[in-house]
Amino acid sequence: MARLNRLHLRIALLLFLLFCGFAESVYAQDDSSLMAQAKQAVLVQDYSKAASIYTQLAQKGNAEAQYQLGVLYKTGKGVRKDQKKANEWFRRAADQGHAKARSKIKDLPEDKLAGKTDTRSVNQRLFTAASGGKRDEVAALLKSGAQTNQQDERGRTPLMLAVAGKHLEVVRTLLAAGADPEIKGENGDNAFLIAADKNAIEIVQALVDSGADINIRNKYGYSPIMIAAQRDYQDMARFLIAQKADLSFVNDSEENVLQIARSKNHTEIEKLLLATGKIGNEDISDNSKNEEPKPPEEEKFVPEKLFKEPADWVRIDELGRTPLMRASESSQLGIVEYLVSKGVPMDTVDQKGNTALLMAASAGHEVIVMRLLDAGASEGTVNESGNTALMMAVQGGATALINFFAQDSAKINLTNKAGDTALTLAIKAKRRDLAKILLENGANPYKPMKTIVPMPPEMRTLLEKYWTLAGWTKEILGYE
């Protein structure tokens, strides 16, 4: 009997082991089958089904499923895009030795930091600090390794959030740290378009100083000047016109900027546009074709209508600008002549530190610049950003003024608060013609060669040519 019991026990044990092996084989086969189904779902672009299968397998510890699920979270296919979850699944797969997963996480900043500091948290805090206007915190986070040009789930960068909140100092801090103003969010807007929409002139100025494209267009074909015309942002329109914004564009509805202003009955914007004389190649002046064209200010300027009393000659607006500044910026020569004849102060500054001369230089109005200088305006004034008259002329693309101001060798290599010289501003604006004028007048080519990355090949060739020609100045003047 005892012998029979031992036999039964052996048979039972054998059956148990066989069953376990079979079960393991079945489970392995089930995982393999599910993986095949998931891959098939990916092939037919049924990412939701694939995500469901990979999630089931990943939670069971399948390394390949964990990796594939990470890919789906990274790309936003079948699941909501979530880089944090993607990294989490990549890390789980990597912990099991998955080679591709290891390659995904090896360059993650958080894995490089001592003590496994959570850079994801640092990056998220940068978004919050930028949005809240906390300049000191933004600076500290950037120093801690936060990524300047990271994008959130809507494609927005910290710079975009700072611009949207109209946080000028945060914007300047981010730009100084290398924030790219050209990056667009999922809605097609970038920092410049947001600033234009918010009527944030000082921020637009900061973006212009950083080399941002003032003619960028949103998904509806609107450029910043079109946005200003649509919203009746008169000061923004003046500024963009002074910066030589392209007025020839049409939006997706085939409207140009003048037509937009007229459709909204924004008469002041319309006047500003008419004062330019042209939009692209289209003559938009109000003059009769049979009459000799006259500058708009000569036709419209009547002193008694504009200035009721002497106090009006120097009355400042909400931006701290005098009538002389506004007239200098918008090419109203008749008004400039009138105010100069009344002896108004030449060097009054607005909230941004600009004088009438700096505004005229930025707008490229050579005649007005010369008239102001004749009247005693100071050529040596710099604005709040540290821009000289030469730098403003470069921003305005005024060739004659650049030739004039560049003759002062003591000022040609001065830097503004952002560290730019007139030459670096010309290069950032992609104006090879202006850069050549400055180099011919003695601008130091070394600074842009050292600081502007990437450098357009044609610009680098030009700079290297003048650096070679003026190689002796390296020792004599102490250029780096």
Protein backbone atom coordinates (compact mmCIF):
# COMPACT_ATOMS: atom_id res chain seq x y z
CA MET A 1 0.00 0.00 0.00
CA ALA A 2 2.80 2.38 0.91
CA ARG A 3 4.47 1.56 -2.41
CA LEU A 4 1.20 2.44 -4.25
CA ASN A 5 0.86 5.75 -2.43
CA ARG A 6 4.41 6.72 -3.38
CA LEU A 7 3.59 5.88 -7.02
CA HIS A 8 0.47 8.05 -6.94
CA LEU A 9 2.45 10.89 -5.40
CA ARG A 10 5.08 10.69 -8.15
CA ILE A 11 2.39 10.66 -10.85
CA ALA A 12 0.65 13.68 -9.29
CA LEU A 13 3.92 15.59 -9.05
CA LEU A 14 4.74 14.80 -12.67
CA LEU A 15 1.31 15.95 -13.84
CA PHE A 16 1.68 19.17 -11.82
CA LEU A 17 5.05 19.96 -13.40
CA LEU A 18 3.71 19.20 -16.86
CA PHE A 19 0.74 21.49 -16.25
CA CYS A 20 2.94 24.34 -15.07
CA GLY A 21 5.14 24.05 -18.11
CA PHE A 22 2.11 23.97 -20.38
CA ALA A 23 0.60 26.99 -18.66
CA GLU A 24 3.84 28.91 -19.01
CA SER A 25 3.94 28.01 -22.68
CA VAL A 26 0.34 29.12 -23.13
CA TYR A 27 0.97 32.43 -21.37
CA ALA A 28 4.10 33.01 -23.45
CA GLN A 29 2.11 32.21 -26.55
CA ASP A 30 -0.62 34.61 -25.44
CA ASP A 31 1.92 37.44 -24.97
CA SER A 32 3.44 36.71 -28.34
CA SER A 33 0.01 36.68 -29.95
CA LEU A 34 -0.92 39.98 -28.32
CA MET A 35 2.35 41.57 -29.43
CA ALA A 36 1.61 40.44 -32.98
CA GLN A 37 -1.87 41.96 -32.75
CA ALA A 38 -0.41 45.23 -31.47
CA LYS A 39 2.09 45.40 -34.31
CA GLN A 40 -0.66 44.70 -36.82
CA ALA A 41 -2.73 47.50 -35.28
CA VAL A 42 0.21 49.88 -35.72
CA LEU A 43 0.56 48.84 -39.36
CA VAL A 44 -3.06 49.77 -40.07
CA GLN A 45 -2.66 52.92 -37.92
CA ASP A 46 -5.13 51.73 -35.29
CA TYR A 47 -3.00 53.28 -32.57
CA SER A 48 -5.71 53.21 -29.91
CA LYS A 49 -5.91 49.42 -30.15
CA ALA A 50 -2.14 49.15 -30.12
CA ALA A 51 -1.93 51.36 -27.04
CA SER A 52 -4.50 49.22 -25.24
CA ILE A 53 -2.59 46.01 -25.95
CA TYR A 54 0.81 47.48 -25.11
CA THR A 55 -0.56 48.86 -21.84
CA GLN A 56 -1.85 45.41 -20.85
CA LEU A 57 1.47 43.78 -21.62
CA ALA A 58 3.58 46.61 -20.19
CA GLN A 59 1.84 46.37 -16.85
CA LYS A 60 2.71 42.66 -16.81
CA GLY A 61 6.38 43.60 -17.22
CA ASN A 62 6.88 42.99 -20.95
CA ALA A 63 9.94 45.14 -21.81
CA GLU A 64 9.17 45.43 -25.53
CA ALA A 65 5.61 46.51 -24.77
CA GLN A 66 6.92 49.07 -22.28
CA TYR A 67 9.23 50.48 -24.92
CA GLN A 68 6.51 50.60 -27.60
CA LEU A 69 4.09 52.24 -25.16
CA GLY A 70 6.75 54.87 -24.47
CA VAL A 71 6.97 55.56 -28.20
CA LEU A 72 3.19 56.06 -28.39
CA TYR A 73 3.22 58.49 -25.46
CA LYS A 74 6.16 60.35 -26.99
CA THR A 75 4.42 60.76 -30.36
CA GLY A 76 0.87 61.13 -29.07
CA LYS A 77 -0.47 58.30 -31.20
CA GLY A 78 -3.36 56.38 -29.65
CA VAL A 79 -2.84 58.20 -26.36
CA ARG A 80 -2.51 61.80 -25.27
CA LYS A 81 1.03 63.02 -25.87
CA ASP A 82 2.90 62.89 -22.57
CA GLN A 83 6.69 63.05 -22.50
CA LYS A 84 6.75 62.33 -18.78
CA LYS A 85 4.90 59.04 -19.22
CA ALA A 86 7.00 58.21 -22.27
CA ASN A 87 10.18 58.61 -20.23
CA GLU A 88 8.70 56.51 -17.43
CA TRP A 89 7.98 53.57 -19.74
CA PHE A 90 11.33 53.93 -21.48
CA ARG A 91 13.01 53.79 -18.09
CA ARG A 92 11.09 50.67 -17.04
CA ALA A 93 12.05 48.91 -20.26
CA ALA A 94 15.66 50.05 -19.90
CA ASP A 95 15.80 48.64 -16.38
CA GLN A 96 15.09 45.25 -17.95
CA GLY A 97 17.94 45.66 -20.40
CA HIS A 98 15.97 46.84 -23.45
CA ALA A 99 18.65 48.35 -25.74
CA LYS A 100 16.46 50.84 -27.61
CA ALA A 101 14.90 52.05 -24.38
CA ARG A 102 18.36 52.63 -22.93
CA SER A 103 19.26 54.78 -25.92
CA LYS A 104 16.11 56.82 -25.37
CA ILE A 105 16.90 57.69 -21.76
CA LYS A 106 20.66 58.05 -21.85
CA ASP A 107 20.46 61.72 -22.92
CA LEU A 108 17.62 62.71 -20.62
CA PRO A 109 18.87 65.66 -18.54
CA GLU A 110 17.42 64.21 -15.34
CA ASP A 111 19.63 61.15 -15.68
CA LYS A 112 22.71 63.32 -15.98
CA LEU A 113 22.17 65.36 -12.86
CA ALA A 114 23.77 64.34 -9.59
CA GLY A 115 21.39 62.87 -7.08
CA LYS A 116 18.88 62.21 -9.86
CA THR A 117 17.47 65.73 -9.69
CA ASP A 118 14.13 65.69 -11.47
CA THR A 119 14.74 67.97 -14.44
CA ARG A 120 11.20 67.30 -15.59
CA SER A 121 10.15 69.17 -12.47
CA VAL A 122 12.67 71.94 -13.17
CA ASN A 123 11.38 72.27 -16.72
CA GLN A 124 7.77 72.38 -15.58
CA ARG A 125 8.66 75.04 -13.03
CA LEU A 126 10.20 77.13 -15.80
CA PHE A 127 6.84 77.22 -17.60
CA THR A 128 5.12 78.28 -14.38
CA ALA A 129 7.71 80.92 -13.50
CA ALA A 130 7.75 82.37 -17.03
CA SER A 131 3.97 82.53 -17.13
CA GLY A 132 3.88 84.18 -13.70
CA GLY A 133 6.48 86.81 -14.53
CA LYS A 134 9.00 85.63 -11.92
CA ARG A 135 12.24 86.81 -13.47
CA ASP A 136 14.60 85.79 -10.66
CA GLU A 137 13.12 82.29 -10.50
CA VAL A 138 13.36 81.96 -14.28
CA ALA A 139 17.03 82.93 -14.14
CA ALA A 140 17.69 80.40 -11.35
CA LEU A 141 15.90 77.60 -13.20
CA LEU A 142 17.83 78.30 -16.38
CA LYS A 143 21.04 78.14 -14.38
CA SER A 144 19.88 74.78 -12.96
CA GLY A 145 19.59 73.31 -16.43
CA ALA A 146 15.99 74.00 -17.42
CA GLN A 147 15.54 73.76 -21.17
CA THR A 148 15.01 77.21 -22.71
CA ASN A 149 13.20 76.07 -25.85
CA GLN A 150 11.15 73.20 -24.47
CA GLN A 151 7.52 73.04 -25.59
CA ASP A 152 4.45 72.04 -23.60
CA GLU A 153 1.58 69.86 -24.81
CA ARG A 154 0.30 72.77 -26.93
CA GLY A 155 3.69 73.50 -28.45
CA ARG A 156 4.23 76.65 -26.36
CA THR A 157 7.67 77.63 -25.11
CA PRO A 158 8.43 79.49 -21.85
CA LEU A 159 9.11 82.55 -24.02
CA MET A 160 5.60 82.39 -25.50
CA LEU A 161 4.05 82.21 -22.03
CA ALA A 162 6.13 85.15 -20.82
CA VAL A 163 5.08 87.18 -23.87
CA ALA A 164 1.43 86.25 -23.38
CA GLY A 165 1.67 87.52 -19.80
CA LYS A 166 3.45 90.69 -21.02
CA HIS A 167 6.37 90.02 -18.66
CA LEU A 168 9.07 92.13 -20.30
CA GLU A 169 11.95 91.32 -17.94
CA VAL A 170 11.27 87.59 -18.17
CA VAL A 171 11.21 87.88 -21.96
CA ARG A 172 14.59 89.62 -21.91
CA THR A 173 16.02 86.99 -19.56
CA LEU A 174 14.86 84.13 -21.78
CA LEU A 175 16.13 85.82 -24.95
CA ALA A 176 19.51 86.38 -23.33
CA ALA A 177 19.59 82.66 -22.48
CA GLY A 178 19.04 81.71 -26.13
CA ALA A 179 15.26 81.42 -26.36
CA ASP A 180 14.22 81.02 -29.99
CA PRO A 181 11.47 83.53 -30.89
CA GLU A 182 10.75 81.74 -34.18
CA ILE A 183 9.32 78.54 -32.63
CA LYS A 184 5.60 78.14 -33.32
CA GLY A 185 2.97 76.49 -31.15
CA GLU A 186 0.36 74.08 -32.42
CA ASN A 187 -1.94 77.02 -33.27
CA GLY A 188 0.68 78.51 -35.60
CA ASP A 189 1.59 81.48 -33.38
CA ASN A 190 5.08 82.35 -32.20
CA ALA A 191 6.35 84.87 -29.65
CA PHE A 192 6.23 87.81 -32.09
CA LEU A 193 2.67 87.10 -33.22
CA ILE A 194 1.55 86.78 -29.60
CA ALA A 195 3.25 90.08 -28.69
CA ALA A 196 1.56 91.82 -31.61
CA ASP A 197 -1.81 90.40 -30.59
CA LYS A 198 -1.24 91.61 -27.00
CA ASN A 199 -0.20 95.07 -28.23
CA ALA A 200 3.01 94.67 -26.20
CA ILE A 201 5.25 97.19 -27.96
CA GLU A 202 8.20 96.94 -25.57
CA ILE A 203 8.24 93.17 -25.93
CA VAL A 204 8.04 93.51 -29.71
CA GLN A 205 11.05 95.83 -29.49
CA ALA A 206 12.94 93.24 -27.43
CA LEU A 207 12.09 90.57 -29.99
CA VAL A 208 13.21 92.82 -32.84
CA ASP A 209 16.46 93.47 -30.98
CA SER A 210 16.97 89.70 -30.75
CA GLY A 211 16.60 89.32 -34.52
CA ALA A 212 13.02 88.02 -34.67
CA ASP A 213 11.25 88.12 -38.03
CA ILE A 214 8.76 91.01 -38.01
CA ASN A 215 7.02 89.60 -41.08
CA ILE A 216 6.18 86.21 -39.58
CA ARG A 217 2.65 85.07 -40.46
CA ASN A 218 0.09 83.05 -38.53
CA LYS A 219 -1.97 80.16 -39.89
CA TYR A 220 -4.47 82.60 -41.39
CA GLY A 221 -1.78 84.52 -43.25
CA TYR A 222 -1.79 87.52 -40.88
CA SER A 223 1.52 89.26 -40.22
CA PRO A 224 2.03 91.45 -37.10
CA ILE A 225 1.24 94.65 -39.04
CA MET A 226 -2.04 93.07 -40.20
CA ILE A 227 -2.90 92.17 -36.61
CA ALA A 228 -2.23 95.78 -35.59
CA ALA A 229 -4.48 97.03 -38.40
CA GLN A 230 -7.26 94.63 -37.46
CA ARG A 231 -7.12 95.50 -33.74
CA ASP A 232 -6.58 99.25 -34.24
CA TYR A 233 -3.27 99.15 -32.38
CA GLN A 234 -2.04 102.51 -33.65
CA ASP A 235 1.25 102.67 -31.77
CA MET A 236 2.06 99.11 -32.73
CA ALA A 237 1.35 99.95 -36.37
CA ARG A 238 3.62 103.01 -36.18
CA PHE A 239 6.40 100.93 -34.72
CA LEU A 240 6.11 98.13 -37.27
CA ILE A 241 5.95 100.59 -40.15
CA ALA A 242 9.06 102.27 -38.77
CA GLN A 243 10.73 98.85 -38.68
CA LYS A 244 9.99 98.44 -42.40
CA ALA A 245 7.34 95.76 -42.00
CA ASP A 246 6.36 94.28 -45.35
CA LEU A 247 3.04 95.86 -46.38
CA SER A 248 2.61 93.80 -49.53
CA PHE A 249 1.36 90.59 -47.91
CA VAL A 250 -2.21 89.40 -48.29
CA ASN A 251 -3.91 87.06 -45.84
CA ASP A 252 -5.81 83.89 -46.67
CA SER A 253 -8.83 86.05 -47.54
CA GLU A 254 -6.72 87.95 -50.11
CA GLU A 255 -6.81 91.16 -48.03
CA ASN A 256 -3.77 93.38 -47.62
CA VAL A 257 -3.12 95.48 -44.53
CA LEU A 258 -4.80 98.61 -45.93
CA GLN A 259 -7.94 96.70 -46.85
CA ILE A 260 -8.04 95.21 -43.35
CA ALA A 261 -7.83 98.66 -41.77
CA ARG A 262 -10.54 100.03 -44.05
CA SER A 263 -12.86 97.07 -43.46
CA LYS A 264 -12.68 97.79 -39.72
CA ASN A 265 -13.03 101.55 -40.22
CA HIS A 266 -9.74 102.11 -38.41
CA THR A 267 -9.07 105.50 -39.94
CA GLU A 268 -5.91 106.36 -38.00
CA ILE A 269 -4.25 103.13 -39.10
CA GLU A 270 -5.38 103.87 -42.64
CA LYS A 271 -3.72 107.30 -42.47
CA LEU A 272 -0.48 105.76 -41.25
CA LEU A 273 -0.49 103.33 -44.15
CA LEU A 274 -1.37 106.01 -46.68
CA ALA A 275 1.53 108.09 -45.39
CA THR A 276 3.93 105.39 -46.58
CA GLY A 277 2.84 106.03 -50.18
CA LYS A 278 2.97 102.40 -51.23
CA ILE A 279 2.07 98.91 -50.17
CA GLY A 280 4.42 96.67 -52.07
CA ASN A 281 4.15 97.79 -55.70
CA GLU A 282 0.62 99.15 -55.29
CA ASP A 283 0.30 102.93 -55.16
CA ILE A 284 -2.14 103.69 -52.36
CA SER A 285 -1.71 107.45 -52.07
CA ASP A 286 -4.78 109.66 -52.15
CA ASN A 287 -3.27 111.93 -54.78
CA SER A 288 -4.92 112.25 -58.14
CA LYS A 289 -3.07 110.53 -60.96
CA ASN A 290 -3.02 113.86 -62.81
CA GLU A 291 -1.51 115.84 -59.94
CA GLU A 292 2.04 116.11 -58.74
CA PRO A 293 2.25 113.79 -55.67
CA LYS A 294 2.83 115.60 -52.39
CA PRO A 295 3.99 114.20 -49.08
CA PRO A 296 0.92 113.48 -46.94
CA GLU A 297 2.05 115.87 -44.20
CA GLU A 298 2.20 118.82 -46.63
CA GLU A 299 -1.39 118.23 -47.66
CA LYS A 300 -2.85 117.55 -44.23
CA PHE A 301 -0.79 119.51 -41.72
CA VAL A 302 -2.52 122.62 -40.39
CA PRO A 303 -0.79 123.82 -37.18
CA GLU A 304 -3.90 125.43 -35.74
CA LYS A 305 -5.82 122.16 -36.00
CA LEU A 306 -3.12 120.02 -34.43
CA PHE A 307 -1.82 122.41 -31.79
CA LYS A 308 -4.41 124.52 -29.99
CA GLU A 309 -1.91 126.10 -27.61
CA PRO A 310 1.87 126.13 -26.99
CA ALA A 311 1.52 123.44 -24.31
CA ASP A 312 0.46 121.05 -27.08
CA TRP A 313 3.90 121.35 -28.68
CA VAL A 314 5.44 119.29 -25.87
CA ARG A 315 2.47 117.33 -24.57
CA ILE A 316 3.46 113.69 -23.99
CA ASP A 317 1.30 110.65 -24.67
CA GLU A 318 0.86 107.46 -22.64
CA LEU A 319 4.23 106.15 -23.86
CA GLY A 320 6.06 109.32 -22.90
CA ARG A 321 6.44 110.52 -26.47
CA THR A 322 6.26 114.13 -27.58
CA PRO A 323 4.72 115.37 -30.85
CA LEU A 324 8.26 115.78 -32.20
CA MET A 325 8.97 112.09 -31.54
CA ARG A 326 5.78 110.93 -33.20
CA ALA A 327 6.34 113.17 -36.21
CA SER A 328 9.97 112.04 -36.53
CA GLU A 329 8.97 108.38 -36.41
CA SER A 330 6.15 108.69 -38.96
CA SER A 331 7.99 110.94 -41.44
CA GLN A 332 5.86 114.03 -40.84
CA LEU A 333 8.48 116.51 -42.02
CA GLY A 334 6.12 119.49 -41.98
CA ILE A 335 5.31 118.92 -38.31
CA VAL A 336 9.00 118.43 -37.48
CA GLU A 337 9.88 121.74 -39.17
CA TYR A 338 7.09 123.52 -37.33
CA LEU A 339 8.10 122.17 -33.90
CA VAL A 340 11.78 122.87 -34.51
CA SER A 341 10.86 126.45 -35.39
CA LYS A 342 9.08 126.71 -32.03
CA GLY A 343 12.23 125.66 -30.20
CA VAL A 344 10.89 122.48 -28.59
CA PRO A 345 13.45 120.32 -26.73
CA MET A 346 15.32 117.97 -29.04
CA ASP A 347 16.47 115.28 -26.62
CA THR A 348 13.39 114.46 -24.56
CA VAL A 349 13.19 110.70 -24.00
CA ASP A 350 10.15 108.43 -23.92
CA GLN A 351 9.56 105.46 -21.62
CA LYS A 352 12.02 103.37 -23.61
CA GLY A 353 14.72 106.04 -23.64
CA ASN A 354 14.19 106.93 -27.29
CA THR A 355 14.64 110.47 -28.56
CA ALA A 356 13.16 111.95 -31.72
CA LEU A 357 16.52 111.39 -33.44
CA LEU A 358 16.64 107.70 -32.50
CA MET A 359 13.09 107.23 -33.74
CA ALA A 360 13.83 108.93 -37.04
CA ALA A 361 16.96 106.82 -37.45
CA SER A 362 15.02 103.63 -36.77
CA ALA A 363 12.40 104.65 -39.32
CA GLY A 364 15.09 105.47 -41.88
CA HIS A 365 14.06 109.11 -42.37
CA GLU A 366 17.33 110.70 -43.53
CA VAL A 367 15.95 114.21 -44.09
CA ILE A 368 14.38 114.35 -40.64
CA VAL A 369 17.55 113.01 -38.98
CA MET A 370 19.63 115.74 -40.62
CA ARG A 371 17.08 118.39 -39.68
CA LEU A 372 17.13 117.29 -36.04
CA LEU A 373 20.93 117.27 -35.95
CA ASP A 374 20.98 120.77 -37.44
CA ALA A 375 18.60 121.83 -34.68
CA GLY A 376 20.97 120.54 -32.00
CA ALA A 377 19.77 116.99 -31.34
CA SER A 378 22.40 114.86 -29.63
CA GLU A 379 23.88 112.10 -31.78
CA GLY A 380 25.35 110.32 -28.75
CA THR A 381 22.10 109.42 -26.98
CA VAL A 382 21.32 105.74 -26.40
CA ASN A 383 17.94 104.29 -25.45
CA GLU A 384 16.97 101.97 -22.60
CA SER A 385 18.22 98.96 -24.57
CA GLY A 386 21.56 100.67 -25.14
CA ASN A 387 20.95 101.16 -28.85
CA THR A 388 22.80 104.00 -30.54
CA ALA A 389 21.59 106.01 -33.52
CA LEU A 390 23.71 103.75 -35.74
CA MET A 391 22.07 100.63 -34.31
CA MET A 392 18.63 102.14 -34.81
CA ALA A 393 19.52 102.97 -38.41
CA VAL A 394 20.60 99.35 -38.93
CA GLN A 395 17.27 98.14 -37.55
CA GLY A 396 15.53 100.52 -39.94
CA GLY A 397 17.64 99.35 -42.88
CA ALA A 398 18.57 102.95 -43.72
CA THR A 399 21.66 102.68 -45.93
CA ALA A 400 22.40 106.40 -46.16
CA LEU A 401 22.10 106.88 -42.40
CA ILE A 402 24.30 103.88 -41.70
CA ASN A 403 26.97 105.34 -43.99
CA PHE A 404 26.65 108.63 -42.12
CA PHE A 405 26.73 107.34 -38.54
CA ALA A 406 29.35 104.64 -39.25
CA GLN A 407 31.95 107.31 -39.97
CA ASP A 408 32.28 107.83 -36.22
CA SER A 409 34.95 105.22 -35.44
CA ALA A 410 34.49 105.74 -31.70
CA LYS A 411 30.91 104.48 -31.85
CA ILE A 412 30.86 101.85 -34.58
CA ASN A 413 31.85 98.98 -32.25
CA LEU A 414 29.78 99.97 -29.22
CA THR A 415 27.53 97.27 -27.77
CA ASN A 416 23.98 97.56 -26.47
CA LYS A 417 22.69 95.91 -23.29
CA ALA A 418 22.04 92.68 -25.15
CA GLY A 419 25.71 92.60 -26.19
CA ASP A 420 25.01 93.41 -29.84
CA THR A 421 26.99 95.77 -32.01
CA ALA A 422 25.58 97.43 -35.10
CA LEU A 423 27.27 94.69 -37.13
CA THR A 424 25.73 91.81 -35.18
CA LEU A 425 22.32 93.45 -35.57
CA ALA A 426 22.83 93.65 -39.33
CA ILE A 427 23.85 90.00 -39.49
CA LYS A 428 20.91 88.86 -37.36
CA ALA A 429 18.65 90.80 -39.71
CA LYS A 430 20.26 88.88 -42.60
CA ARG A 431 21.28 92.17 -44.23
CA ARG A 432 24.57 91.41 -45.94
CA ASP A 433 24.49 94.80 -47.66
CA LEU A 434 24.36 96.64 -44.34
CA ALA A 435 27.02 94.40 -42.82
CA LYS A 436 29.34 95.21 -45.73
CA ILE A 437 28.89 98.96 -45.19
CA LEU A 438 29.75 98.60 -41.52
CA LEU A 439 32.78 96.42 -42.22
CA GLU A 440 34.04 98.92 -44.79
CA ASN A 441 33.84 101.58 -42.09
CA GLY A 442 35.85 99.59 -39.56
CA ALA A 443 33.33 97.40 -37.72
CA ASN A 444 35.02 94.57 -35.81
CA PRO A 445 34.08 91.26 -37.47
CA TYR A 446 35.33 89.08 -34.61
CA LYS A 447 32.37 89.47 -32.24
CA PRO A 448 29.71 88.14 -34.64
CA MET A 449 32.08 85.38 -35.77
CA LYS A 450 32.36 84.34 -32.14
CA THR A 451 28.78 84.78 -30.95
CA ILE A 452 26.35 84.14 -33.82
CA VAL A 453 25.65 80.43 -34.26
CA PRO A 454 24.75 79.19 -36.77
CA MET A 455 26.30 81.75 -39.08
CA PRO A 456 24.97 81.90 -42.67
CA PRO A 457 27.83 80.81 -44.97
CA GLU A 458 27.72 83.97 -47.07
CA MET A 459 27.97 86.11 -43.92
CA ARG A 460 30.90 84.08 -42.57
CA THR A 461 32.75 84.46 -45.86
CA LEU A 462 32.25 88.23 -45.73
CA LEU A 463 33.40 88.47 -42.10
CA GLU A 464 36.46 86.30 -42.67
CA LYS A 465 37.44 88.47 -45.63
CA TYR A 466 37.43 91.65 -43.54
CA TRP A 467 39.01 89.92 -40.57
CA THR A 468 41.91 88.92 -42.81
CA LEU A 469 42.18 92.39 -44.34
CA ALA A 470 42.24 93.99 -40.90
CA GLY A 471 44.24 91.26 -39.16
CA TRP A 472 46.74 93.77 -37.77
CA THR A 473 44.02 95.34 -35.58
CA LYS A 474 43.93 92.19 -33.44
CA GLU A 475 47.28 93.06 -31.85
CA ILE A 476 47.09 96.85 -31.92
CA LEU A 477 43.54 97.31 -30.66
CA GLY A 478 43.41 94.22 -28.51
CA TYR A 479 40.52 92.51 -30.24
CA GLU A 480 39.99 89.04 -28.86
